[in-house]
Protein backbone atom coordinates (compact mmCIF):
# COMPACT_ATOMS: atom_id res chain seq x y z
CA MET A 1 4.40 -2.20 22.30
CA LYS A 2 3.09 -4.50 19.58
CA GLN A 3 3.83 -3.47 16.06
CA GLN A 4 0.73 -2.56 14.08
CA LEU A 5 0.12 -3.29 10.46
CA VAL A 6 -0.40 0.02 8.66
CA LEU A 7 -3.40 0.13 6.30
CA THR A 8 -3.71 3.08 3.94
CA ASP A 9 -6.55 4.37 1.78
CA LYS A 10 -4.83 2.87 -1.26
CA ASP A 11 -5.17 -0.58 0.38
CA LEU A 12 -8.96 -0.17 0.70
CA LEU A 13 -10.76 -2.50 -1.74
CA ALA A 14 -14.36 -2.40 -0.59
CA LYS A 15 -16.78 -1.09 1.99
CA GLY A 16 -19.54 -3.36 3.20
CA ASN A 17 -22.42 -2.52 5.53
CA ASP A 18 -20.25 -2.81 8.61
CA ARG A 19 -16.70 -3.67 7.51
CA TYR A 20 -13.94 -2.28 5.36
CA VAL A 21 -11.99 -4.76 3.26
CA PHE A 22 -8.32 -3.95 2.73
CA GLN A 23 -5.66 -5.60 0.65
CA HIS A 24 -3.01 -6.94 3.02
CA PRO A 25 -0.06 -4.59 2.43
CA GLN A 26 2.52 -7.38 2.75
CA ASP A 27 0.77 -10.32 1.09
CA SER A 28 -1.23 -10.07 -2.13
CA GLN A 29 -3.11 -13.30 -1.34
CA LEU A 30 -4.61 -11.99 1.88
CA LEU A 31 -7.28 -9.45 2.82
CA ILE A 32 -7.98 -7.70 6.09
CA LYS A 33 -11.52 -6.97 7.28
CA ILE A 34 -11.91 -4.10 9.75
CA VAL A 35 -15.13 -3.04 11.47
CA ILE A 36 -16.12 0.47 10.35
CA PRO A 37 -15.45 2.61 13.45
CA ASP A 38 -18.47 4.93 13.32
CA ILE A 39 -21.25 2.41 12.69
CA LEU A 40 -24.13 2.12 15.15
CA LYS A 41 -23.39 -1.40 16.44
CA TYR A 42 -19.59 -1.11 16.47
CA LYS A 43 -18.96 -3.17 19.62
CA SER A 44 -21.33 -5.91 18.51
CA LYS A 45 -19.67 -6.11 15.08
CA LEU A 46 -16.23 -6.13 16.68
CA ARG A 47 -17.29 -9.16 18.74
CA GLU A 48 -18.35 -10.81 15.47
CA ILE A 49 -14.78 -10.56 14.18
CA TYR A 50 -13.56 -12.57 17.14
CA ARG A 51 -16.49 -15.00 16.88
CA ASP A 52 -15.88 -15.59 13.17
CA VAL A 53 -12.34 -16.76 13.90
CA LYS A 54 -13.79 -19.45 16.19
CA GLU A 55 -16.88 -20.31 14.12
CA CYS A 56 -15.55 -20.22 10.57
CA LYS A 57 -13.82 -23.56 10.80
CA PRO A 58 -14.49 -26.44 8.46
CA LYS A 59 -15.97 -29.44 10.20
CA THR A 60 -15.26 -31.68 7.18
CA SER A 61 -12.91 -31.56 4.20
CA THR A 62 -15.91 -30.65 2.05
CA ASP A 63 -16.63 -27.61 4.23
CA SER A 64 -13.20 -26.20 3.45
CA LEU A 65 -14.14 -26.11 -0.24
CA TYR A 66 -17.11 -23.81 0.38
CA ILE A 67 -16.07 -21.37 3.13
CA GLN A 68 -13.47 -18.64 3.27
CA LYS A 69 -10.31 -19.33 5.21
CA ILE A 70 -9.64 -17.04 8.15
CA GLU A 71 -5.96 -16.92 9.06
CA GLY A 72 -6.45 -15.06 12.34
CA LEU A 73 -6.45 -11.54 13.77
CA VAL A 74 -3.98 -8.69 13.44
CA GLU A 75 -3.53 -5.31 15.11
CA THR A 76 -3.69 -2.47 12.59
CA ASN A 77 -3.64 1.30 12.73
CA ARG A 78 -7.41 1.12 12.09
CA GLY A 79 -8.24 -1.41 14.80
CA VAL A 80 -8.29 -5.19 15.04
CA GLY A 81 -8.45 -6.84 11.65
CA GLN A 82 -9.51 -10.26 10.51
CA VAL A 83 -6.95 -11.76 8.11
CA ILE A 84 -8.58 -13.87 5.40
CA VAL A 85 -7.41 -15.62 2.27
CA LYS A 86 -8.45 -13.62 -0.80
CA GLU A 87 -10.87 -15.46 -3.09
CA CYS A 88 -9.97 -14.79 -6.72
CA ASP A 89 -10.89 -15.71 -10.27
CA GLU A 90 -8.43 -17.66 -12.42
CA HIS A 91 -6.67 -14.40 -13.39
CA SER A 92 -6.04 -13.40 -9.75
CA ALA A 93 -8.70 -10.67 -9.73
CA ILE A 94 -11.06 -10.59 -6.76
CA ALA A 95 -13.79 -13.19 -7.23
CA PRO A 96 -17.16 -11.77 -8.27
CA THR A 97 -20.09 -12.05 -5.90
CA LEU A 98 -23.28 -13.88 -6.76
CA TYR A 99 -24.90 -10.44 -6.66
CA GLN A 100 -22.55 -9.13 -9.37
CA LEU A 101 -23.03 -12.22 -11.53
CA ALA A 102 -26.83 -11.97 -11.31
CA LEU A 103 -26.88 -8.21 -11.91
CA ASN A 104 -24.66 -8.60 -14.98
CA LYS A 105 -26.76 -11.52 -16.27
CA GLU A 106 -23.74 -13.86 -16.08
CA LEU A 107 -25.44 -16.83 -14.40
CA ASP A 108 -25.32 -19.39 -17.18
CA ALA A 109 -26.30 -23.06 -16.89
CA ASN A 110 -22.83 -24.09 -15.70
CA LYS A 111 -22.76 -21.50 -12.91
CA LEU A 112 -26.32 -22.37 -11.87
CA GLN A 113 -25.35 -26.05 -11.64
CA LYS A 114 -22.39 -25.08 -9.40
CA LEU A 115 -24.70 -22.88 -7.35
CA ASN A 116 -27.00 -25.86 -6.78
CA VAL A 117 -23.99 -27.89 -5.60
CA PHE A 118 -23.20 -25.05 -3.17
CA PHE A 119 -26.81 -25.07 -1.90
CA ASP A 120 -26.64 -28.86 -1.42
CA TRP A 121 -23.55 -28.33 0.74
CA PHE A 122 -25.15 -25.43 2.62
CA VAL A 123 -28.21 -27.37 3.77
CA THR A 124 -26.12 -30.31 5.03
CA THR A 125 -23.09 -28.62 6.62
CA GLY A 126 -22.59 -28.40 10.36
CA VAL A 127 -20.92 -24.99 9.97
CA ILE A 128 -23.25 -22.35 11.39
CA ILE A 129 -24.00 -19.67 8.81
CA ASN A 130 -26.44 -17.08 10.09
CA SER A 131 -26.56 -14.82 7.07
CA LEU A 132 -26.57 -15.98 3.47
CA HIS A 133 -26.84 -13.19 0.91
CA CYS A 134 -25.95 -12.74 -2.73
CA LYS A 135 -23.18 -10.36 -1.67
CA ASN A 136 -21.46 -12.81 0.67
CA ILE A 137 -21.22 -15.66 -1.84
CA VAL A 138 -18.40 -15.47 -4.39
CA TYR A 139 -17.58 -17.44 -7.51
CA ALA A 140 -13.96 -18.36 -6.87
CA TRP A 141 -11.28 -20.28 -8.72
CA ASP A 142 -9.85 -23.35 -7.00
CA SER A 143 -6.36 -23.58 -8.47
CA ALA A 144 -5.66 -26.96 -6.81
CA ARG A 145 -8.68 -28.55 -8.52
CA GLN A 146 -8.65 -26.30 -11.60
CA GLU A 147 -12.33 -25.37 -11.29
CA TYR A 148 -14.69 -22.66 -10.09
CA ARG A 149 -17.03 -23.00 -7.15
CA PHE A 150 -19.28 -20.79 -5.06
CA LYS A 151 -18.00 -20.00 -1.57
CA VAL A 152 -19.48 -18.16 1.40
CA ILE A 153 -17.25 -15.36 2.70
CA ASP A 154 -19.22 -13.89 5.60
CA GLY A 155 -22.09 -14.49 8.03
CA PHE A 156 -20.67 -17.24 10.24
CA GLY A 157 -21.78 -18.22 13.72
CA ASP A 158 -24.89 -17.64 15.79
CA LYS A 159 -25.56 -13.97 16.53
CA THR A 160 -27.79 -14.60 19.52
CA LEU A 161 -26.65 -14.42 23.13
CA PHE A 162 -27.80 -17.99 23.73
CA GLN A 163 -26.36 -19.80 20.73
CA LEU A 164 -29.27 -22.12 20.10
CA SER A 165 -28.09 -23.14 16.63
CA LYS A 166 -25.15 -24.88 18.27
CA LEU A 167 -27.40 -26.80 20.62
CA SER A 168 -30.26 -27.76 18.34
CA GLY A 169 -30.07 -29.23 14.86
CA VAL A 170 -33.77 -28.45 14.38
CA ILE A 171 -33.21 -24.74 15.07
CA ARG A 172 -30.07 -24.72 12.90
CA ASP A 173 -31.94 -26.34 10.00
CA LYS A 174 -34.89 -23.96 10.39
CA ASN A 175 -32.52 -20.96 10.31
CA LYS A 176 -30.74 -22.35 7.24
CA LEU A 177 -34.00 -22.73 5.35
CA LYS A 178 -35.00 -19.19 6.29
CA CYS A 179 -31.62 -17.87 5.06
CA LEU A 180 -31.85 -19.88 1.85
CA LYS A 181 -35.42 -18.75 1.06
CA ARG A 182 -34.49 -15.09 1.59
CA MET A 183 -31.36 -15.42 -0.54
CA LEU A 184 -33.23 -17.18 -3.37
CA ARG A 185 -35.95 -14.51 -3.29
CA ASP A 186 -33.28 -11.79 -3.57
CA LEU A 187 -31.50 -13.67 -6.35
CA ASN A 188 -34.76 -14.02 -8.26
CA ARG A 189 -35.37 -10.25 -7.95
CA LEU A 190 -31.88 -9.51 -9.25
CA GLN A 191 -32.37 -11.75 -12.25
CA GLN A 192 -35.73 -10.12 -13.02
CA ALA A 193 -34.24 -6.59 -12.96
């Protein structure tokens, strides 16, 4: 029998709409995402975990600067988990989301300039991102380059049965613009609040 990684309530860091995020109990630089067992679309969301491992791969060296790194999958006492590198600030605390920055009125000119750089990358990348929200973009510290940048941490791959975004650049670009418009509308609302 395979040995399972044991996740406890004290390892739980966050609860999203469909996933729990746990601190990896053996490595402080990793997180484990687990699909919440009692959600309505459990099987569909579980498939997404497997799909993300395949889809969340940088196609260029620039892509690796703007997307989370998925290390793979692991068996846990709470189900299959996606092992990801934890995005942090320069003090090793979990990186704040764009949502948190906007809500706390912390989007200064420097951060907005970096956000525009992120958007420039987003509209040109070949990585398929189906869901871009203020809560799945973080402002993370890049210790190798000694600078902050915005990174996307969720929403990879095409969710449709027939993955048209892979086959058609026109469809992929149309979906990206739709995602970007929705995210900018939400960001504007947050900043107005």
